PDB file of N, CA and C in Angstrom:
ATOM      1  N   UNK A   1     -18.087 -16.148 -19.735  1.00  0.00           N
ATOM      2  CA  UNK A   1     -17.888 -16.727 -18.674  1.00  0.00           C
ATOM      3  C   UNK A   1     -19.836 -17.128 -18.105  1.00  0.00           C
ATOM      4  N   UNK A   2     -20.191 -18.081 -18.007  1.00  0.00           N
ATOM      5  CA  UNK A   2     -21.023 -18.260 -17.375  1.00  0.00           C
ATOM      6  C   UNK A   2     -21.185 -18.324 -15.578  1.00  0.00           C
ATOM      7  N   UNK A   3     -21.633 -17.642 -15.413  1.00  0.00           N
ATOM      8  CA  UNK A   3     -22.199 -18.112 -14.043  1.00  0.00           C
ATOM      9  C   UNK A   3     -22.881 -18.874 -13.345  1.00  0.00           C
ATOM     10  N   UNK A   4     -22.805 -19.875 -12.148  1.00  0.00           N
ATOM     11  CA  UNK A   4     -23.958 -20.502 -11.117  1.00  0.00           C
ATOM     12  C   UNK A   4     -24.466 -20.013 -10.496  1.00  0.00           C
ATOM     13  N   UNK A   5     -25.877 -20.219 -10.694  1.00  0.00           N
ATOM     14  CA  UNK A   5     -26.323 -19.617  -9.724  1.00  0.00           C
ATOM     15  C   UNK A   5     -26.022 -18.898  -8.343  1.00  0.00           C
ATOM     16  N   UNK A   6     -25.213 -20.247  -7.544  1.00  0.00           N
ATOM     17  CA  UNK A   6     -24.548 -20.030  -6.341  1.00  0.00           C
ATOM     18  C   UNK A   6     -24.002 -18.831  -6.221  1.00  0.00           C
ATOM     19  N   UNK A   7     -22.977 -18.624  -7.130  1.00  0.00           N
ATOM     20  CA  UNK A   7     -21.553 -17.827  -7.459  1.00  0.00           C
ATOM     21  C   UNK A   7     -22.595 -16.459  -8.081  1.00  0.00           C
ATOM     22  N   UNK A   8     -23.555 -16.464  -8.749  1.00  0.00           N
ATOM     23  CA  UNK A   8     -24.120 -14.645  -8.444  1.00  0.00           C
ATOM     24  C   UNK A   8     -25.236 -14.211  -7.924  1.00  0.00           C
ATOM     25  N   UNK A   9     -25.680 -15.317  -6.352  1.00  0.00           N
ATOM     26  CA  UNK A   9     -25.949 -14.540  -5.830  1.00  0.00           C
ATOM     27  C   UNK A   9     -24.596 -14.053  -4.641  1.00  0.00           C
ATOM     28  N   UNK A  10     -23.543 -14.653  -4.625  1.00  0.00           N
ATOM     29  CA  UNK A  10     -22.622 -14.217  -3.557  1.00  0.00           C
ATOM     30  C   UNK A  10     -22.219 -12.617  -3.867  1.00  0.00           C
ATOM     31  N   UNK A  11     -22.200 -12.960  -5.643  1.00  0.00           N
ATOM     32  CA  UNK A  11     -21.727 -11.121  -6.164  1.00  0.00           C
ATOM     33  C   UNK A  11     -22.662 -10.192  -5.787  1.00  0.00           C
ATOM     34  N   UNK A  12     -23.580 -10.799  -5.886  1.00  0.00           N
ATOM     35  CA  UNK A  12     -24.616  -9.856  -5.674  1.00  0.00           C
ATOM     36  C   UNK A  12     -24.944  -9.512  -3.974  1.00  0.00           C
ATOM     37  N   UNK A  13     -24.719 -10.199  -3.410  1.00  0.00           N
ATOM     38  CA  UNK A  13     -24.359 -10.173  -1.736  1.00  0.00           C
ATOM     39  C   UNK A  13     -23.867  -8.437  -1.886  1.00  0.00           C
ATOM     40  N   UNK A  14     -22.188  -9.246  -2.336  1.00  0.00           N
ATOM     41  CA  UNK A  14     -21.104  -8.925  -2.093  1.00  0.00           C
ATOM     42  C   UNK A  14     -21.147  -6.994  -2.505  1.00  0.00           C
ATOM     43  N   UNK A  15     -21.851  -6.448  -3.390  1.00  0.00           N
ATOM     44  CA  UNK A  15     -22.273  -5.385  -3.907  1.00  0.00           C
ATOM     45  C   UNK A  15     -23.153  -4.840  -3.036  1.00  0.00           C
ATOM     46  N   UNK A  16     -24.239  -5.442  -2.714  1.00  0.00           N
ATOM     47  CA  UNK A  16     -25.047  -4.278  -1.598  1.00  0.00           C
ATOM     48  C   UNK A  16     -24.192  -4.965  -0.874  1.00  0.00           C
ATOM     49  N   UNK A  17     -22.969  -5.293  -0.236  1.00  0.00           N
ATOM     50  CA  UNK A  17     -21.985  -5.499   1.391  1.00  0.00           C
ATOM     51  C   UNK A  17     -21.148  -4.256   1.351  1.00  0.00           C
ATOM     52  N   UNK A  18     -20.924  -4.302   0.009  1.00  0.00           N
ATOM     53  CA  UNK A  18     -19.629  -3.150  -0.672  1.00  0.00           C
ATOM     54  C   UNK A  18     -20.180  -2.417  -0.747  1.00  0.00           C
ATOM     55  N   UNK A  19     -21.831  -1.690  -0.834  1.00  0.00           N
ATOM     56  CA  UNK A  19     -22.185  -0.175  -2.019  1.00  0.00           C
ATOM     57  C   UNK A  19     -21.907   1.358  -1.195  1.00  0.00           C
ATOM     58  N   UNK A  20     -21.624   0.752   0.862  1.00  0.00           N
ATOM     59  CA  UNK A  20     -20.844   2.138   1.081  1.00  0.00           C
ATOM     60  C   UNK A  20     -19.107   2.373   1.065  1.00  0.00           C
ATOM     61  N   UNK A  21     -18.650   1.766   0.388  1.00  0.00           N
ATOM     62  CA  UNK A  21     -17.250   1.964  -0.282  1.00  0.00           C
ATOM     63  C   UNK A  21     -16.774   2.511   0.998  1.00  0.00           C
ATOM     64  N   UNK A  22     -15.267   2.817   0.939  1.00  0.00           N
ATOM     65  CA  UNK A  22     -14.583   3.327   2.160  1.00  0.00           C
ATOM     66  C   UNK A  22     -14.284   4.510   1.112  1.00  0.00           C
ATOM     67  N   UNK A  23     -13.730   5.285   2.304  1.00  0.00           N
ATOM     68  CA  UNK A  23     -12.705   6.251   1.970  1.00  0.00           C
ATOM     69  C   UNK A  23     -11.435   6.353   2.443  1.00  0.00           C
ATOM     70  N   UNK A  24     -10.087   6.516   1.758  1.00  0.00           N
ATOM     71  CA  UNK A  24      -8.803   6.534   2.294  1.00  0.00           C
ATOM     72  C   UNK A  24      -8.554   8.141   2.597  1.00  0.00           C
ATOM     73  N   UNK A  25      -7.570   8.164   3.366  1.00  0.00           N
ATOM     74  CA  UNK A  25      -6.216   9.112   2.970  1.00  0.00           C
ATOM     75  C   UNK A  25      -5.523   8.924   2.860  1.00  0.00           C
ATOM     76  N   UNK A  26      -4.856   9.725   1.848  1.00  0.00           N
ATOM     77  CA  UNK A  26      -2.620   9.545   0.658  1.00  0.00           C
ATOM     78  C   UNK A  26      -2.072  10.078   1.574  1.00  0.00           C
ATOM     79  N   UNK A  27      -1.248   9.438   2.056  1.00  0.00           N
ATOM     80  CA  UNK A  27       0.033   9.834   2.709  1.00  0.00           C
ATOM     81  C   UNK A  27       0.785   9.942   2.148  1.00  0.00           C
ATOM     82  N   UNK A  28       2.104  10.401   1.800  1.00  0.00           N
ATOM     83  CA  UNK A  28       3.757  10.118   0.546  1.00  0.00           C
ATOM     84  C   UNK A  28       4.313   9.793   1.857  1.00  0.00           C
ATOM     85  N   UNK A  29       4.956   8.897   1.350  1.00  0.00           N
ATOM     86  CA  UNK A  29       6.280   8.366   2.645  1.00  0.00           C
ATOM     87  C   UNK A  29       6.941   8.276   2.105  1.00  0.00           C
ATOM     88  N   UNK A  30       8.948   8.432   2.081  1.00  0.00           N
ATOM     89  CA  UNK A  30      10.237   7.532   1.235  1.00  0.00           C
ATOM     90  C   UNK A  30      10.474   6.904   2.658  1.00  0.00           C
ATOM     91  N   UNK A  31      10.655   5.696   1.703  1.00  0.00           N
ATOM     92  CA  UNK A  31      12.051   4.597   2.659  1.00  0.00           C
ATOM     93  C   UNK A  31      12.816   4.040   2.033  1.00  0.00           C
ATOM     94  N   UNK A  32      14.141   3.984   3.001  1.00  0.00           N
ATOM     95  CA  UNK A  32      15.408   3.898   2.471  1.00  0.00           C
ATOM     96  C   UNK A  32      16.028   2.836   3.447  1.00  0.00           C
ATOM     97  N   UNK A  33      17.205   2.269   2.461  1.00  0.00           N
ATOM     98  CA  UNK A  33      17.654   0.818   3.183  1.00  0.00           C
ATOM     99  C   UNK A  33      18.865   0.954   2.078  1.00  0.00           C
ATOM    100  N   UNK A  34      19.872   0.584   2.740  1.00  0.00           N
ATOM    101  CA  UNK A  34      21.195   0.067   2.484  1.00  0.00           C
ATOM    102  C   UNK A  34      21.247  -1.311   1.437  1.00  0.00           C
ATOM    103  N   UNK A  35      20.083  -2.062   2.086  1.00  0.00           N
ATOM    104  CA  UNK A  35      20.156  -3.307   2.027  1.00  0.00           C
ATOM    105  C   UNK A  35      19.725  -3.973   0.544  1.00  0.00           C
ATOM    106  N   UNK A  36      17.745  -3.508   0.492  1.00  0.00           N
ATOM    107  CA  UNK A  36      17.221  -3.782  -0.952  1.00  0.00           C
ATOM    108  C   UNK A  36      16.404  -2.469  -1.002  1.00  0.00           C
ATOM    109  N   UNK A  37      15.300  -2.999  -2.284  1.00  0.00           N
ATOM    110  CA  UNK A  37      14.030  -2.412  -2.552  1.00  0.00           C
ATOM    111  C   UNK A  37      12.486  -2.423  -1.341  1.00  0.00           C
ATOM    112  N   UNK A  38      12.777  -3.869  -1.255  1.00  0.00           N
ATOM    113  CA  UNK A  38      11.881  -4.373  -0.449  1.00  0.00           C
ATOM    114  C   UNK A  38      11.813  -4.141   0.989  1.00  0.00           C
ATOM    115  N   UNK A  39      13.100  -4.136   1.716  1.00  0.00           N
ATOM    116  CA  UNK A  39      13.892  -3.855   2.902  1.00  0.00           C
ATOM    117  C   UNK A  39      13.108  -1.764   2.590  1.00  0.00           C
ATOM    118  N   UNK A  40      13.237  -1.654   2.223  1.00  0.00           N
ATOM    119  CA  UNK A  40      12.884   0.480   2.192  1.00  0.00           C
ATOM    120  C   UNK A  40      11.491   0.601   2.111  1.00  0.00           C
ATOM    121  N   UNK A  41      11.165  -0.461   1.346  1.00  0.00           N
ATOM    122  CA  UNK A  41       9.080   0.007   1.625  1.00  0.00           C
ATOM    123  C   UNK A  41       8.820  -0.252   3.094  1.00  0.00           C
ATOM    124  N   UNK A  42       9.136  -1.655   3.553  1.00  0.00           N
ATOM    125  CA  UNK A  42       9.258  -2.297   4.338  1.00  0.00           C
ATOM    126  C   UNK A  42       9.703  -1.229   5.912  1.00  0.00           C
ATOM    127  N   UNK A  43      10.336  -0.184   5.723  1.00  0.00           N
ATOM    128  CA  UNK A  43      10.871   0.655   6.604  1.00  0.00           C
ATOM    129  C   UNK A  43      10.033   1.862   7.087  1.00  0.00           C
ATOM    130  N   UNK A  44       9.527   2.043   5.468  1.00  0.00           N
ATOM    131  CA  UNK A  44       8.345   2.746   5.285  1.00  0.00           C
ATOM    132  C   UNK A  44       7.415   2.549   5.674  1.00  0.00           C
ATOM    133  N   UNK A  45       6.298   1.387   5.511  1.00  0.00           N
ATOM    134  CA  UNK A  45       5.216   1.034   6.063  1.00  0.00           C
ATOM    135  C   UNK A  45       5.437   1.117   7.515  1.00  0.00           C
ATOM    136  N   UNK A  46       6.350   0.685   8.196  1.00  0.00           N
ATOM    137  CA  UNK A  46       6.390  -0.549   9.639  1.00  0.00           C
ATOM    138  C   UNK A  46       6.360   0.985  10.268  1.00  0.00           C
ATOM    139  N   UNK A  47       7.217   2.207  10.060  1.00  0.00           N
ATOM    140  CA  UNK A  47       7.187   3.250  10.850  1.00  0.00           C
ATOM    141  C   UNK A  47       6.155   3.700  10.189  1.00  0.00           C
ATOM    142  N   UNK A  48       5.294   4.002   9.145  1.00  0.00           N
ATOM    143  CA  UNK A  48       4.173   4.035   9.338  1.00  0.00           C
ATOM    144  C   UNK A  48       3.022   4.511  10.002  1.00  0.00           C
ATOM    145  N   UNK A  49       3.124   3.197  10.112  1.00  0.00           N
ATOM    146  CA  UNK A  49       1.913   2.450  10.942  1.00  0.00           C
ATOM    147  C   UNK A  49       2.033   2.408  12.819  1.00  0.00           C
ATOM    148  N   UNK A  50       3.628   2.884  13.769  1.00  0.00           N
ATOM    149  CA  UNK A  50       3.302   3.798  14.349  1.00  0.00           C
ATOM    150  C   UNK A  50       2.836   4.931  14.681  1.00  0.00           C
ATOM    151  N   UNK A  51       2.357   5.037  13.936  1.00  0.00           N
ATOM    152  CA  UNK A  51       1.485   6.601  14.196  1.00  0.00           C
ATOM    153  C   UNK A  51       0.187   6.336  13.339  1.00  0.00           C
ATOM    154  N   UNK A  52       0.311   5.647  12.831  1.00  0.00           N
ATOM    155  CA  UNK A  52      -1.173   6.078  11.524  1.00  0.00           C
ATOM    156  C   UNK A  52      -2.246   4.195  11.672  1.00  0.00           C
ATOM    157  N   UNK A  53      -3.049   4.481  12.000  1.00  0.00           N
ATOM    158  CA  UNK A  53      -4.254   3.641  11.955  1.00  0.00           C
ATOM    159  C   UNK A  53      -4.697   3.040  10.662  1.00  0.00           C
ATOM    160  N   UNK A  54      -4.857   1.776  10.116  1.00  0.00           N
ATOM    161  CA  UNK A  54      -5.993   1.726   9.421  1.00  0.00           C
ATOM    162  C   UNK A  54      -5.831   1.868   7.454  1.00  0.00           C
ATOM    163  N   UNK A  55      -3.988   1.367   7.726  1.00  0.00           N
ATOM    164  CA  UNK A  55      -3.129   1.632   6.799  1.00  0.00           C
ATOM    165  C   UNK A  55      -3.714  -0.208   5.947  1.00  0.00           C
ATOM    166  N   UNK A  56      -4.093   0.290   4.537  1.00  0.00           N
ATOM    167  CA  UNK A  56      -4.398  -0.734   3.763  1.00  0.00           C
ATOM    168  C   UNK A  56      -3.784  -0.206   2.574  1.00  0.00           C
ATOM    169  N   UNK A  57      -3.426  -0.285   2.204  1.00  0.00           N
ATOM    170  CA  UNK A  57      -2.490  -0.482   0.327  1.00  0.00           C
ATOM    171  C   UNK A  57      -1.448   0.037   0.169  1.00  0.00           C
ATOM    172  N   UNK A  58      -0.849   0.469  -0.582  1.00  0.00           N
ATOM    173  CA  UNK A  58       0.360   1.364  -0.884  1.00  0.00           C
ATOM    174  C   UNK A  58       0.889   1.374  -2.450  1.00  0.00           C
ATOM    175  N   UNK A  59       1.401   2.234  -2.699  1.00  0.00           N
ATOM    176  CA  UNK A  59       2.268   2.319  -4.277  1.00  0.00           C
ATOM    177  C   UNK A  59       3.226   2.607  -4.741  1.00  0.00           C
ATOM    178  N   UNK A  60       4.356   1.938  -5.220  1.00  0.00           N
ATOM    179  CA  UNK A  60       5.345   2.771  -5.037  1.00  0.00           C
ATOM    180  C   UNK A  60       4.858   3.523  -6.520  1.00  0.00           C
ATOM    181  N   UNK A  61       6.090   4.712  -6.098  1.00  0.00           N
ATOM    182  CA  UNK A  61       5.317   6.016  -6.683  1.00  0.00           C
ATOM    183  C   UNK A  61       6.968   6.508  -7.883  1.00  0.00           C
ATOM    184  N   UNK A  62       7.854   6.185  -7.143  1.00  0.00           N
ATOM    185  CA  UNK A  62       9.172   6.091  -7.251  1.00  0.00           C
ATOM    186  C   UNK A  62      10.231   5.654  -6.620  1.00  0.00           C
ATOM    187  N   UNK A  63      11.618   5.164  -7.479  1.00  0.00           N
ATOM    188  CA  UNK A  63      12.619   4.102  -6.860  1.00  0.00           C
ATOM    189  C   UNK A  63      14.115   4.871  -7.323  1.00  0.00           C
ATOM    190  N   UNK A  64      14.917   5.126  -6.142  1.00  0.00           N
ATOM    191  CA  UNK A  64      16.155   5.787  -6.619  1.00  0.00           C
ATOM    192  C   UNK A  64      16.766   5.126  -5.770  1.00  0.00           C
ATOM    193  N   UNK A  65      18.317   5.253  -6.028  1.00  0.00           N
ATOM    194  CA  UNK A  65      18.766   4.268  -5.757  1.00  0.00           C
ATOM    195  C   UNK A  65      20.472   5.833  -5.391  1.00  0.00           C
ATOM    196  N   UNK A  66      21.612   4.849  -4.586  1.00  0.00           N
ATOM    197  CA  UNK A  66      22.950   5.412  -4.705  1.00  0.00           C
ATOM    198  C   UNK A  66      24.316   4.700  -5.408  1.00  0.00           C
ATOM    199  N   UNK A  67      24.608   4.638  -6.385  1.00  0.00           N
ATOM    200  CA  UNK A  67      25.842   4.327  -6.510  1.00  0.00           C
ATOM    201  C   UNK A  67      27.452   4.552  -5.896  1.00  0.00           C
ATOM    202  N   UNK A  68      28.159   4.203  -5.946  1.00  0.00           N
ATOM    203  CA  UNK A  68      29.709   4.363  -5.539  1.00  0.00           C
ATOM    204  C   UNK A  68      30.486   3.521  -5.820  1.00  0.00           C
ATOM    205  N   UNK A  69      31.331   3.983  -6.220  1.00  0.00           N
ATOM    206  CA  UNK A  69      32.226   2.911  -6.938  1.00  0.00           C
ATOM    207  C   UNK A  69      31.450   1.691  -7.999  1.00  0.00           C
ATOM    208  N   UNK A  70      30.802   2.069  -8.683  1.00  0.00           N
ATOM    209  CA  UNK A  70      29.829   1.128  -9.471  1.00  0.00           C
ATOM    210  C   UNK A  70      28.968   0.491  -8.694  1.00  0.00           C
ATOM    211  N   UNK A  71      28.925   0.256  -7.216  1.00  0.00           N
ATOM    212  CA  UNK A  71      27.875  -0.545  -6.165  1.00  0.00           C
ATOM    213  C   UNK A  71      26.589  -0.067  -6.370  1.00  0.00           C
ATOM    214  N   UNK A  72      25.813  -0.231  -5.979  1.00  0.00           N
ATOM    215  CA  UNK A  72      24.494   0.181  -5.407  1.00  0.00           C
ATOM    216  C   UNK A  72      25.061   0.042  -4.085  1.00  0.00           C
ATOM    217  N   UNK A  73      24.457   1.046  -3.221  1.00  0.00           N
ATOM    218  CA  UNK A  73      25.009   1.449  -1.728  1.00  0.00           C
ATOM    219  C   UNK A  73      23.882   1.758  -0.887  1.00  0.00           C
ATOM    220  N   UNK A  74      22.740   2.303  -2.205  1.00  0.00           N
ATOM    221  CA  UNK A  74      21.551   2.483  -1.133  1.00  0.00           C
ATOM    222  C   UNK A  74      20.491   3.223  -1.796  1.00  0.00           C
ATOM    223  N   UNK A  75      19.094   2.607  -0.915  1.00  0.00           N
ATOM    224  CA  UNK A  75      18.108   2.730  -1.814  1.00  0.00           C
ATOM    225  C   UNK A  75      16.774   3.498  -2.002  1.00  0.00           C
ATOM    226  N   UNK A  76      16.091   4.354  -1.779  1.00  0.00           N
ATOM    227  CA  UNK A  76      14.475   5.071  -1.483  1.00  0.00           C
ATOM    228  C   UNK A  76      13.814   4.913  -2.367  1.00  0.00           C
ATOM    229  N   UNK A  77      12.665   4.655  -1.319  1.00  0.00           N
ATOM    230  CA  UNK A  77      11.406   4.097  -2.038  1.00  0.00           C
ATOM    231  C   UNK A  77      10.367   5.334  -1.916  1.00  0.00           C
ATOM    232  N   UNK A  78      10.076   6.221  -2.877  1.00  0.00           N
ATOM    233  CA  UNK A  78       8.221   6.557  -2.663  1.00  0.00           C
ATOM    234  C   UNK A  78       7.362   6.270  -2.261  1.00  0.00           C
ATOM    235  N   UNK A  79       6.286   6.030  -1.769  1.00  0.00           N
ATOM    236  CA  UNK A  79       5.540   5.576  -1.636  1.00  0.00           C
ATOM    237  C   UNK A  79       4.054   6.097  -1.674  1.00  0.00           C
ATOM    238  N   UNK A  80       3.004   6.198  -1.970  1.00  0.00           N
ATOM    239  CA  UNK A  80       1.643   6.496  -1.677  1.00  0.00           C
ATOM    240  C   UNK A  80       1.302   5.081  -0.938  1.00  0.00           C
ATOM    241  N   UNK A  81       0.766   5.464   0.007  1.00  0.00           N
ATOM    242  CA  UNK A  81      -0.178   4.515   1.382  1.00  0.00           C
ATOM    243  C   UNK A  81      -1.507   5.634   1.337  1.00  0.00           C
ATOM    244  N   UNK A  82      -2.095   4.570   1.765  1.00  0.00           N
ATOM    245  CA  UNK A  82      -3.863   4.416   2.176  1.00  0.00           C
ATOM    246  C   UNK A  82      -3.948   3.952   2.685  1.00  0.00           C
ATOM    247  N   UNK A  83      -4.412   4.790   4.090  1.00  0.00           N
ATOM    248  CA  UNK A  83      -5.605   3.997   4.979  1.00  0.00           C
ATOM    249  C   UNK A  83      -7.411   4.749   4.839  1.00  0.00           C
ATOM    250  N   UNK A  84      -8.244   3.943   5.993  1.00  0.00           N
ATOM    251  CA  UNK A  84      -9.127   4.254   6.017  1.00  0.00           C
ATOM    252  C   UNK A  84      -9.371   5.333   7.291  1.00  0.00           C
ATOM    253  N   UNK A  85     -11.097   6.175   6.596  1.00  0.00           N
ATOM    254  CA  UNK A  85     -10.898   7.217   7.717  1.00  0.00           C
ATOM    255  C   UNK A  85     -11.507   5.810   9.069  1.00  0.00           C
ATOM    256  N   UNK A  86     -11.386   7.229  10.415  1.00  0.00           N
ATOM    257  CA  UNK A  86     -12.639   6.982  11.158  1.00  0.00           C
ATOM    258  C   UNK A  86     -13.668   6.980  11.443  1.00  0.00           C
ATOM    259  N   UNK A  87     -14.629   6.270  11.432  1.00  0.00           N
ATOM    260  CA  UNK A  87     -15.802   6.332  11.918  1.00  0.00           C
ATOM    261  C   UNK A  87     -16.030   7.293  12.659  1.00  0.00           C
ATOM    262  N   UNK A  88     -17.334   8.746  12.307  1.00  0.00           N
ATOM    263  CA  UNK A  88     -17.098   9.926  12.998  1.00  0.00           C
ATOM    264  C   UNK A  88     -17.737   9.505  14.442  1.00  0.00           C
TER     265      UNK A  88
END
């Protein structure tokens, strides 16, 4: 892939802008829902955002469910959530 000169300047500028990087704190959360896996994830993130600031990303670590009489009745999702630390 050949980069156009203007694109190359943008990439170099971006690298310089991000040269300090970010530091993240990671917490583990478990969300649950009787509706869906997505709802379990959203429930965990919404609750965490009530007490944590600067949430930036999440990773699904485990997904589990509860079965009754051949039907899925409950979802449980374990997440690792990263947030940026505030400046001192």
